[in-house]
Amino acid sequence: MTLLRPATPDDADALAALHVAVWRETYDGLAPPEALARLDLAHRRRGWAAALADPARRVWLAEGGEGALGLVAVGRPEVPEYAALGTAAGEVKHLYVAAAARRTGLGRALLQQALAGLAAQGCTAAGLGVVRQNYAARAFYAAAGGREVADFTDPGPLWRSAMVLVGWDLSAPRPR
């Protein structure tokens, strides 16, 4: 059984470990080797500690008998391309699912939690950036009702990757 709950500052280590494992697995062969090497536990732990301390961010953690299985985080957009979604858009900052929990519906549950959380904060649209070559994620977001609305370059700090902005109208019904 999987429990989805708001993350707390005590979860920073679990979030960091899951983030690093999934990111390295997903982007091995896509990201430059130096970016993979620089994304270590200490780097991600600092990032998660900051995210969990930021009142403008919301983070949820999915746990099972194996520990952390997934995470999703939302907040304010930080790149100008999100203007294509409107002035009241929110951003899905991170959505990661452990390999052992893929194809179980957990990714969809995390995405729905993020979209509902942004709607509850008054956002009328939501978006996320996905690496252009991450075709599996792009297909997942399309199946979840997302539409590709813009291209942009992620400014880093680890890797200046080609990105696709995927958006959702939060006032419209979404596929379940």
N, C-alpha and C. Protein backbone atom coordinates (compact mmCIF):
# COMPACT_ATOMS: atom_id res chain seq x y z
N MET A 1 0.84 -1.18 0.00
CA MET A 1 0.00 0.00 0.00
C MET A 1 0.88 1.25 0.00
N THR A 2 0.48 2.25 -0.78
CA THR A 2 1.25 3.48 -0.89
C THR A 2 0.53 4.60 -0.16
N LEU A 3 1.27 5.34 0.62
CA LEU A 3 0.77 6.49 1.35
C LEU A 3 1.29 7.75 0.67
N LEU A 4 0.40 8.66 0.30
CA LEU A 4 0.78 9.95 -0.26
C LEU A 4 0.48 11.01 0.79
N ARG A 5 1.51 11.76 1.18
CA ARG A 5 1.34 12.74 2.25
C ARG A 5 2.21 13.96 1.99
N PRO A 6 1.85 15.09 2.64
CA PRO A 6 2.73 16.25 2.53
C PRO A 6 4.10 15.93 3.12
N ALA A 7 5.14 16.36 2.45
CA ALA A 7 6.50 16.15 2.96
C ALA A 7 6.80 17.16 4.06
N THR A 8 7.69 16.78 4.96
CA THR A 8 8.12 17.65 6.05
C THR A 8 9.64 17.84 5.95
N PRO A 9 10.19 18.78 6.71
CA PRO A 9 11.64 18.95 6.69
C PRO A 9 12.42 17.67 7.01
N ASP A 10 11.83 16.78 7.79
CA ASP A 10 12.49 15.51 8.10
C ASP A 10 12.62 14.59 6.90
N ASP A 11 11.91 14.90 5.81
CA ASP A 11 11.94 14.06 4.60
C ASP A 11 13.01 14.48 3.60
N ALA A 12 13.79 15.50 3.89
CA ALA A 12 14.76 16.01 2.91
C ALA A 12 15.72 14.92 2.43
N ASP A 13 16.19 14.06 3.32
CA ASP A 13 17.12 13.00 2.90
C ASP A 13 16.45 12.01 1.96
N ALA A 14 15.23 11.59 2.27
CA ALA A 14 14.51 10.63 1.42
C ALA A 14 14.19 11.25 0.07
N LEU A 15 13.77 12.51 0.05
CA LEU A 15 13.49 13.20 -1.20
C LEU A 15 14.75 13.29 -2.06
N ALA A 16 15.86 13.66 -1.42
CA ALA A 16 17.12 13.80 -2.15
C ALA A 16 17.57 12.47 -2.74
N ALA A 17 17.49 11.40 -1.97
CA ALA A 17 17.93 10.08 -2.45
C ALA A 17 17.07 9.62 -3.63
N LEU A 18 15.76 9.79 -3.53
CA LEU A 18 14.87 9.40 -4.62
C LEU A 18 15.13 10.26 -5.85
N HIS A 19 15.27 11.56 -5.66
CA HIS A 19 15.51 12.49 -6.77
C HIS A 19 16.78 12.11 -7.52
N VAL A 20 17.86 11.90 -6.80
CA VAL A 20 19.13 11.57 -7.44
C VAL A 20 19.03 10.23 -8.19
N ALA A 21 18.45 9.22 -7.56
CA ALA A 21 18.36 7.91 -8.21
C ALA A 21 17.54 7.98 -9.50
N VAL A 22 16.38 8.60 -9.44
CA VAL A 22 15.51 8.66 -10.63
C VAL A 22 16.13 9.55 -11.69
N TRP A 23 16.68 10.68 -11.29
CA TRP A 23 17.27 11.61 -12.26
C TRP A 23 18.43 10.95 -12.99
N ARG A 24 19.32 10.29 -12.26
CA ARG A 24 20.47 9.63 -12.91
C ARG A 24 20.01 8.52 -13.84
N GLU A 25 19.02 7.76 -13.44
CA GLU A 25 18.50 6.68 -14.28
C GLU A 25 17.84 7.25 -15.54
N THR A 26 17.04 8.28 -15.37
CA THR A 26 16.29 8.86 -16.49
C THR A 26 17.20 9.56 -17.48
N TYR A 27 18.18 10.31 -16.98
CA TYR A 27 18.97 11.16 -17.86
C TYR A 27 20.33 10.61 -18.22
N ASP A 28 20.63 9.38 -17.80
CA ASP A 28 21.86 8.73 -18.24
C ASP A 28 21.79 8.59 -19.77
N GLY A 29 22.74 9.16 -20.45
CA GLY A 29 22.74 9.13 -21.91
C GLY A 29 22.12 10.37 -22.53
N LEU A 30 21.35 11.14 -21.76
CA LEU A 30 20.78 12.40 -22.25
C LEU A 30 21.53 13.61 -21.70
N ALA A 31 21.81 13.58 -20.41
CA ALA A 31 22.52 14.69 -19.78
C ALA A 31 24.03 14.49 -19.94
N PRO A 32 24.77 15.59 -19.98
CA PRO A 32 26.24 15.46 -20.02
C PRO A 32 26.74 14.76 -18.76
N PRO A 33 27.79 13.96 -18.88
CA PRO A 33 28.31 13.24 -17.71
C PRO A 33 28.62 14.14 -16.53
N GLU A 34 29.11 15.36 -16.80
CA GLU A 34 29.43 16.26 -15.68
C GLU A 34 28.17 16.68 -14.92
N ALA A 35 27.03 16.78 -15.59
CA ALA A 35 25.78 17.12 -14.91
C ALA A 35 25.35 15.95 -14.02
N LEU A 36 25.49 14.73 -14.53
CA LEU A 36 25.15 13.55 -13.72
C LEU A 36 26.03 13.47 -12.48
N ALA A 37 27.31 13.79 -12.64
CA ALA A 37 28.24 13.72 -11.51
C ALA A 37 27.95 14.81 -10.48
N ARG A 38 27.56 16.00 -10.94
CA ARG A 38 27.32 17.11 -10.02
C ARG A 38 26.02 16.98 -9.24
N LEU A 39 25.08 16.19 -9.75
CA LEU A 39 23.82 16.00 -9.03
C LEU A 39 24.04 14.89 -8.00
N ASP A 40 24.54 15.27 -6.85
CA ASP A 40 24.79 14.29 -5.80
C ASP A 40 23.82 14.52 -4.64
N LEU A 41 23.89 13.65 -3.66
CA LEU A 41 22.97 13.73 -2.52
C LEU A 41 23.10 15.04 -1.76
N ALA A 42 24.31 15.53 -1.55
CA ALA A 42 24.48 16.78 -0.81
C ALA A 42 23.83 17.94 -1.55
N HIS A 43 24.02 18.00 -2.88
CA HIS A 43 23.42 19.06 -3.69
C HIS A 43 21.90 19.00 -3.59
N ARG A 44 21.31 17.82 -3.78
CA ARG A 44 19.85 17.70 -3.76
C ARG A 44 19.29 17.88 -2.37
N ARG A 45 20.02 17.45 -1.33
CA ARG A 45 19.50 17.65 0.03
C ARG A 45 19.37 19.13 0.33
N ARG A 46 20.35 19.93 -0.08
CA ARG A 46 20.26 21.38 0.12
C ARG A 46 19.04 21.93 -0.62
N GLY A 47 18.83 21.47 -1.85
CA GLY A 47 17.68 21.93 -2.62
C GLY A 47 16.35 21.56 -1.98
N TRP A 48 16.25 20.33 -1.49
CA TRP A 48 14.99 19.92 -0.87
C TRP A 48 14.77 20.61 0.47
N ALA A 49 15.84 20.82 1.22
CA ALA A 49 15.68 21.55 2.49
C ALA A 49 15.15 22.96 2.22
N ALA A 50 15.68 23.61 1.18
CA ALA A 50 15.20 24.96 0.82
C ALA A 50 13.76 24.91 0.34
N ALA A 51 13.41 23.94 -0.48
CA ALA A 51 12.03 23.82 -0.99
C ALA A 51 11.04 23.59 0.15
N LEU A 52 11.41 22.75 1.10
CA LEU A 52 10.52 22.45 2.21
C LEU A 52 10.37 23.63 3.17
N ALA A 53 11.33 24.54 3.17
CA ALA A 53 11.26 25.73 4.02
C ALA A 53 10.55 26.90 3.33
N ASP A 54 10.30 26.78 2.05
CA ASP A 54 9.68 27.86 1.26
C ASP A 54 8.16 27.76 1.37
N PRO A 55 7.49 28.77 1.96
CA PRO A 55 6.04 28.69 2.10
C PRO A 55 5.28 28.74 0.77
N ALA A 56 5.94 29.14 -0.31
CA ALA A 56 5.30 29.19 -1.62
C ALA A 56 5.35 27.84 -2.34
N ARG A 57 6.04 26.88 -1.77
CA ARG A 57 6.16 25.56 -2.38
C ARG A 57 5.35 24.54 -1.59
N ARG A 58 4.87 23.53 -2.31
CA ARG A 58 4.21 22.39 -1.69
C ARG A 58 4.90 21.14 -2.23
N VAL A 59 5.14 20.19 -1.33
CA VAL A 59 5.83 18.96 -1.70
C VAL A 59 5.06 17.79 -1.09
N TRP A 60 4.83 16.75 -1.89
CA TRP A 60 4.19 15.54 -1.42
C TRP A 60 5.12 14.36 -1.66
N LEU A 61 5.09 13.41 -0.75
CA LEU A 61 5.93 12.23 -0.80
C LEU A 61 5.05 10.99 -0.77
N ALA A 62 5.32 10.05 -1.67
CA ALA A 62 4.63 8.76 -1.69
C ALA A 62 5.57 7.72 -1.10
N GLU A 63 5.07 6.97 -0.12
CA GLU A 63 5.88 5.96 0.55
C GLU A 63 5.16 4.61 0.53
N GLY A 64 5.96 3.57 0.53
CA GLY A 64 5.45 2.21 0.63
C GLY A 64 6.39 1.41 1.51
N GLY A 65 6.24 0.11 1.50
CA GLY A 65 7.09 -0.75 2.30
C GLY A 65 8.56 -0.62 1.95
N GLU A 66 8.84 -0.20 0.70
CA GLU A 66 10.23 -0.04 0.24
C GLU A 66 10.79 1.35 0.55
N GLY A 67 10.02 2.20 1.20
CA GLY A 67 10.46 3.57 1.48
C GLY A 67 9.86 4.55 0.49
N ALA A 68 10.62 5.58 0.13
CA ALA A 68 10.15 6.62 -0.78
C ALA A 68 9.96 6.04 -2.18
N LEU A 69 8.76 6.21 -2.73
CA LEU A 69 8.43 5.67 -4.05
C LEU A 69 8.20 6.77 -5.08
N GLY A 70 7.84 7.96 -4.63
CA GLY A 70 7.57 9.05 -5.56
C GLY A 70 7.48 10.36 -4.84
N LEU A 71 7.59 11.43 -5.61
CA LEU A 71 7.48 12.77 -5.05
C LEU A 71 6.95 13.70 -6.12
N VAL A 72 6.33 14.78 -5.66
CA VAL A 72 5.90 15.85 -6.55
C VAL A 72 5.98 17.15 -5.76
N ALA A 73 6.42 18.20 -6.45
CA ALA A 73 6.56 19.51 -5.82
C ALA A 73 6.01 20.57 -6.76
N VAL A 74 5.36 21.57 -6.19
CA VAL A 74 4.79 22.67 -6.97
C VAL A 74 5.21 24.01 -6.38
N GLY A 75 5.12 25.04 -7.21
CA GLY A 75 5.44 26.39 -6.77
C GLY A 75 5.20 27.39 -7.87
N ARG A 76 5.78 28.56 -7.70
CA ARG A 76 5.66 29.61 -8.71
C ARG A 76 6.61 29.33 -9.87
N PRO A 77 6.18 29.64 -11.09
CA PRO A 77 7.09 29.48 -12.24
C PRO A 77 8.29 30.42 -12.13
N GLU A 78 9.42 29.96 -12.64
CA GLU A 78 10.65 30.75 -12.56
C GLU A 78 11.22 31.12 -13.92
N VAL A 79 10.64 30.62 -15.00
CA VAL A 79 11.13 30.97 -16.34
C VAL A 79 10.03 31.70 -17.09
N PRO A 80 10.38 32.66 -17.93
CA PRO A 80 9.38 33.50 -18.59
C PRO A 80 8.43 32.76 -19.52
N GLU A 81 8.80 31.61 -20.01
CA GLU A 81 7.95 30.86 -20.94
C GLU A 81 6.60 30.48 -20.32
N TYR A 82 6.52 30.43 -19.00
CA TYR A 82 5.26 30.09 -18.35
C TYR A 82 4.19 31.15 -18.57
N ALA A 83 4.56 32.33 -19.04
CA ALA A 83 3.59 33.37 -19.37
C ALA A 83 2.62 32.89 -20.45
N ALA A 84 3.04 31.92 -21.27
CA ALA A 84 2.16 31.36 -22.30
C ALA A 84 0.94 30.69 -21.68
N LEU A 85 1.00 30.36 -20.39
CA LEU A 85 -0.11 29.70 -19.70
C LEU A 85 -1.03 30.69 -19.01
N GLY A 86 -0.67 31.97 -18.97
CA GLY A 86 -1.48 32.98 -18.30
C GLY A 86 -0.80 33.49 -17.04
N THR A 87 -1.37 34.52 -16.47
CA THR A 87 -0.75 35.18 -15.32
C THR A 87 -0.94 34.43 -14.01
N ALA A 88 -1.89 33.51 -13.96
CA ALA A 88 -2.15 32.78 -12.72
C ALA A 88 -1.72 31.32 -12.85
N ALA A 89 -0.58 31.10 -13.48
CA ALA A 89 -0.09 29.73 -13.67
C ALA A 89 0.82 29.32 -12.52
N GLY A 90 0.78 28.04 -12.20
CA GLY A 90 1.69 27.44 -11.24
C GLY A 90 2.57 26.44 -11.97
N GLU A 91 3.62 26.01 -11.30
CA GLU A 91 4.57 25.08 -11.92
C GLU A 91 4.69 23.79 -11.12
N VAL A 92 4.65 22.67 -11.82
CA VAL A 92 5.03 21.40 -11.24
C VAL A 92 6.55 21.35 -11.35
N LYS A 93 7.22 21.54 -10.23
CA LYS A 93 8.68 21.66 -10.21
C LYS A 93 9.38 20.32 -10.40
N HIS A 94 8.86 19.30 -9.75
CA HIS A 94 9.46 17.97 -9.80
C HIS A 94 8.36 16.94 -9.73
N LEU A 95 8.52 15.86 -10.49
CA LEU A 95 7.65 14.69 -10.38
C LEU A 95 8.54 13.49 -10.70
N TYR A 96 8.81 12.70 -9.68
CA TYR A 96 9.68 11.54 -9.84
C TYR A 96 9.04 10.31 -9.22
N VAL A 97 9.17 9.19 -9.93
CA VAL A 97 8.63 7.91 -9.46
C VAL A 97 9.76 6.89 -9.54
N ALA A 98 9.98 6.16 -8.44
CA ALA A 98 11.00 5.11 -8.40
C ALA A 98 10.67 4.04 -9.44
N ALA A 99 11.71 3.43 -9.99
CA ALA A 99 11.53 2.41 -11.03
C ALA A 99 10.58 1.31 -10.57
N ALA A 100 10.67 0.90 -9.32
CA ALA A 100 9.84 -0.19 -8.79
C ALA A 100 8.36 0.18 -8.74
N ALA A 101 8.03 1.47 -8.78
CA ALA A 101 6.63 1.91 -8.66
C ALA A 101 6.05 2.43 -9.97
N ARG A 102 6.80 2.32 -11.05
CA ARG A 102 6.28 2.79 -12.34
C ARG A 102 5.21 1.86 -12.87
N ARG A 103 4.30 2.42 -13.63
CA ARG A 103 3.19 1.69 -14.25
C ARG A 103 2.22 1.11 -13.22
N THR A 104 2.15 1.79 -12.06
CA THR A 104 1.22 1.37 -11.00
C THR A 104 0.11 2.41 -10.80
N GLY A 105 0.17 3.53 -11.51
CA GLY A 105 -0.77 4.62 -11.30
C GLY A 105 -0.25 5.68 -10.36
N LEU A 106 0.92 5.44 -9.76
CA LEU A 106 1.46 6.41 -8.81
C LEU A 106 1.81 7.73 -9.49
N GLY A 107 2.42 7.68 -10.67
CA GLY A 107 2.75 8.93 -11.36
C GLY A 107 1.53 9.77 -11.63
N ARG A 108 0.46 9.14 -12.08
CA ARG A 108 -0.80 9.85 -12.34
C ARG A 108 -1.36 10.43 -11.04
N ALA A 109 -1.30 9.66 -9.94
CA ALA A 109 -1.79 10.16 -8.65
C ALA A 109 -0.97 11.37 -8.18
N LEU A 110 0.33 11.31 -8.37
CA LEU A 110 1.18 12.44 -7.98
C LEU A 110 0.86 13.67 -8.84
N LEU A 111 0.70 13.48 -10.14
CA LEU A 111 0.36 14.59 -11.01
C LEU A 111 -0.99 15.19 -10.63
N GLN A 112 -1.98 14.35 -10.37
CA GLN A 112 -3.30 14.85 -9.98
C GLN A 112 -3.21 15.62 -8.67
N GLN A 113 -2.40 15.15 -7.72
CA GLN A 113 -2.21 15.87 -6.46
C GLN A 113 -1.61 17.24 -6.72
N ALA A 114 -0.62 17.30 -7.60
CA ALA A 114 0.02 18.58 -7.92
C ALA A 114 -0.96 19.55 -8.56
N LEU A 115 -1.73 19.07 -9.54
CA LEU A 115 -2.67 19.94 -10.23
C LEU A 115 -3.77 20.42 -9.28
N ALA A 116 -4.26 19.52 -8.44
CA ALA A 116 -5.28 19.91 -7.45
C ALA A 116 -4.70 20.91 -6.44
N GLY A 117 -3.47 20.69 -6.04
CA GLY A 117 -2.82 21.62 -5.10
C GLY A 117 -2.66 23.01 -5.69
N LEU A 118 -2.27 23.08 -6.95
CA LEU A 118 -2.13 24.38 -7.60
C LEU A 118 -3.49 25.04 -7.77
N ALA A 119 -4.51 24.28 -8.14
CA ALA A 119 -5.86 24.85 -8.27
C ALA A 119 -6.34 25.39 -6.93
N ALA A 120 -6.05 24.68 -5.84
CA ALA A 120 -6.45 25.13 -4.51
C ALA A 120 -5.74 26.43 -4.11
N GLN A 121 -4.57 26.68 -4.69
CA GLN A 121 -3.83 27.92 -4.43
C GLN A 121 -4.30 29.06 -5.32
N GLY A 122 -5.29 28.80 -6.17
CA GLY A 122 -5.83 29.85 -7.03
C GLY A 122 -5.24 29.90 -8.43
N CYS A 123 -4.44 28.92 -8.78
CA CYS A 123 -3.87 28.89 -10.13
C CYS A 123 -4.94 28.45 -11.12
N THR A 124 -4.97 29.09 -12.27
CA THR A 124 -5.93 28.72 -13.32
C THR A 124 -5.29 27.84 -14.38
N ALA A 125 -3.98 27.71 -14.32
CA ALA A 125 -3.24 26.85 -15.25
C ALA A 125 -2.03 26.30 -14.51
N ALA A 126 -1.52 25.21 -15.03
CA ALA A 126 -0.30 24.60 -14.48
C ALA A 126 0.58 24.18 -15.63
N GLY A 127 1.86 24.16 -15.37
CA GLY A 127 2.80 23.71 -16.38
C GLY A 127 3.98 23.02 -15.76
N LEU A 128 4.71 22.34 -16.60
CA LEU A 128 5.98 21.75 -16.19
C LEU A 128 6.88 21.69 -17.40
N GLY A 129 8.16 21.74 -17.14
CA GLY A 129 9.15 21.59 -18.20
C GLY A 129 9.64 20.16 -18.23
N VAL A 130 9.71 19.59 -19.43
CA VAL A 130 10.21 18.24 -19.60
C VAL A 130 11.31 18.27 -20.66
N VAL A 131 12.37 17.54 -20.42
CA VAL A 131 13.47 17.49 -21.38
C VAL A 131 12.94 16.96 -22.71
N ARG A 132 13.27 17.68 -23.77
CA ARG A 132 12.74 17.35 -25.11
C ARG A 132 12.93 15.87 -25.45
N GLN A 133 14.06 15.28 -25.13
CA GLN A 133 14.34 13.89 -25.51
C GLN A 133 13.73 12.86 -24.54
N ASN A 134 13.02 13.31 -23.52
CA ASN A 134 12.39 12.39 -22.57
C ASN A 134 11.01 12.02 -23.11
N TYR A 135 11.00 11.17 -24.14
CA TYR A 135 9.78 10.84 -24.86
C TYR A 135 8.77 10.09 -23.99
N ALA A 136 9.23 9.26 -23.08
CA ALA A 136 8.30 8.53 -22.21
C ALA A 136 7.53 9.51 -21.33
N ALA A 137 8.21 10.48 -20.75
CA ALA A 137 7.53 11.47 -19.90
C ALA A 137 6.58 12.32 -20.73
N ARG A 138 6.99 12.70 -21.91
CA ARG A 138 6.11 13.51 -22.77
C ARG A 138 4.83 12.75 -23.11
N ALA A 139 4.95 11.47 -23.40
CA ALA A 139 3.76 10.66 -23.68
C ALA A 139 2.87 10.54 -22.44
N PHE A 140 3.48 10.37 -21.28
CA PHE A 140 2.73 10.29 -20.03
C PHE A 140 1.94 11.58 -19.80
N TYR A 141 2.59 12.73 -19.97
CA TYR A 141 1.90 14.00 -19.73
C TYR A 141 0.79 14.23 -20.76
N ALA A 142 1.01 13.83 -22.00
CA ALA A 142 -0.04 13.96 -23.02
C ALA A 142 -1.25 13.09 -22.65
N ALA A 143 -1.00 11.87 -22.19
CA ALA A 143 -2.09 10.98 -21.79
C ALA A 143 -2.85 11.52 -20.58
N ALA A 144 -2.18 12.36 -19.79
CA ALA A 144 -2.80 12.97 -18.62
C ALA A 144 -3.43 14.33 -18.94
N GLY A 145 -3.60 14.61 -20.23
CA GLY A 145 -4.30 15.82 -20.63
C GLY A 145 -3.42 17.04 -20.83
N GLY A 146 -2.12 16.89 -20.71
CA GLY A 146 -1.21 18.02 -20.91
C GLY A 146 -1.04 18.32 -22.39
N ARG A 147 -0.83 19.60 -22.69
CA ARG A 147 -0.57 19.99 -24.08
C ARG A 147 0.76 20.72 -24.13
N GLU A 148 1.54 20.42 -25.14
CA GLU A 148 2.84 21.07 -25.32
C GLU A 148 2.62 22.45 -25.90
N VAL A 149 3.09 23.49 -25.18
CA VAL A 149 2.76 24.86 -25.56
C VAL A 149 3.97 25.72 -25.94
N ALA A 150 5.16 25.32 -25.55
CA ALA A 150 6.33 26.15 -25.86
C ALA A 150 7.61 25.34 -25.71
N ASP A 151 8.65 25.82 -26.35
CA ASP A 151 9.99 25.27 -26.17
C ASP A 151 10.82 26.31 -25.44
N PHE A 152 11.76 25.85 -24.62
CA PHE A 152 12.68 26.77 -23.95
C PHE A 152 13.94 26.03 -23.56
N THR A 153 14.92 26.79 -23.15
CA THR A 153 16.17 26.20 -22.66
C THR A 153 16.22 26.37 -21.15
N ASP A 154 16.37 25.25 -20.45
CA ASP A 154 16.51 25.30 -19.00
C ASP A 154 17.82 26.03 -18.69
N PRO A 155 17.77 27.06 -17.85
CA PRO A 155 18.98 27.85 -17.58
C PRO A 155 20.02 27.14 -16.71
N GLY A 156 19.74 25.98 -16.22
CA GLY A 156 20.71 25.26 -15.40
C GLY A 156 20.25 25.21 -13.96
N PRO A 157 21.09 25.00 -13.01
CA PRO A 157 22.54 25.20 -13.01
C PRO A 157 23.35 23.98 -13.45
N LEU A 158 22.73 22.81 -13.54
CA LEU A 158 23.51 21.62 -13.87
C LEU A 158 23.67 21.40 -15.37
N TRP A 159 22.66 21.84 -16.15
CA TRP A 159 22.64 21.43 -17.55
C TRP A 159 21.67 22.34 -18.30
N ARG A 160 22.12 22.97 -19.35
CA ARG A 160 21.27 23.82 -20.18
C ARG A 160 20.58 22.92 -21.22
N SER A 161 19.47 22.33 -20.81
CA SER A 161 18.80 21.35 -21.65
C SER A 161 17.67 21.97 -22.46
N ALA A 162 17.40 21.37 -23.62
CA ALA A 162 16.26 21.75 -24.45
C ALA A 162 15.01 21.20 -23.79
N MET A 163 14.03 22.07 -23.53
CA MET A 163 12.84 21.70 -22.78
C MET A 163 11.57 21.96 -23.59
N VAL A 164 10.52 21.25 -23.20
CA VAL A 164 9.18 21.47 -23.73
C VAL A 164 8.31 21.84 -22.54
N LEU A 165 7.56 22.94 -22.65
CA LEU A 165 6.61 23.33 -21.62
C LEU A 165 5.29 22.63 -21.89
N VAL A 166 4.83 21.84 -20.92
CA VAL A 166 3.56 21.14 -21.00
C VAL A 166 2.60 21.87 -20.06
N GLY A 167 1.38 22.14 -20.54
CA GLY A 167 0.44 22.90 -19.73
C GLY A 167 -0.91 22.23 -19.58
N TRP A 168 -1.59 22.59 -18.50
CA TRP A 168 -2.95 22.14 -18.20
C TRP A 168 -3.80 23.35 -17.86
N ASP A 169 -5.01 23.38 -18.36
CA ASP A 169 -6.02 24.37 -17.96
C ASP A 169 -6.69 23.79 -16.73
N LEU A 170 -6.52 24.42 -15.59
CA LEU A 170 -7.05 23.87 -14.34
C LEU A 170 -8.55 24.08 -14.19
N SER A 171 -9.14 24.88 -15.06
CA SER A 171 -10.58 25.06 -15.01
C SER A 171 -11.30 24.01 -15.85
N ALA A 172 -10.57 23.25 -16.64
CA ALA A 172 -11.16 22.23 -17.51
C ALA A 172 -11.08 20.86 -16.83
N PRO A 173 -12.04 19.97 -17.10
CA PRO A 173 -11.95 18.61 -16.55
C PRO A 173 -10.69 17.92 -17.10
N ARG A 174 -10.07 17.10 -16.24
CA ARG A 174 -8.85 16.38 -16.63
C ARG A 174 -9.12 14.88 -16.68
N PRO A 175 -8.42 14.18 -17.58
CA PRO A 175 -8.56 12.71 -17.60
C PRO A 175 -8.07 12.13 -16.29
N ARG A 176 -8.69 11.10 -15.84
CA ARG A 176 -8.28 10.43 -14.59
C ARG A 176 -7.44 9.23 -14.88
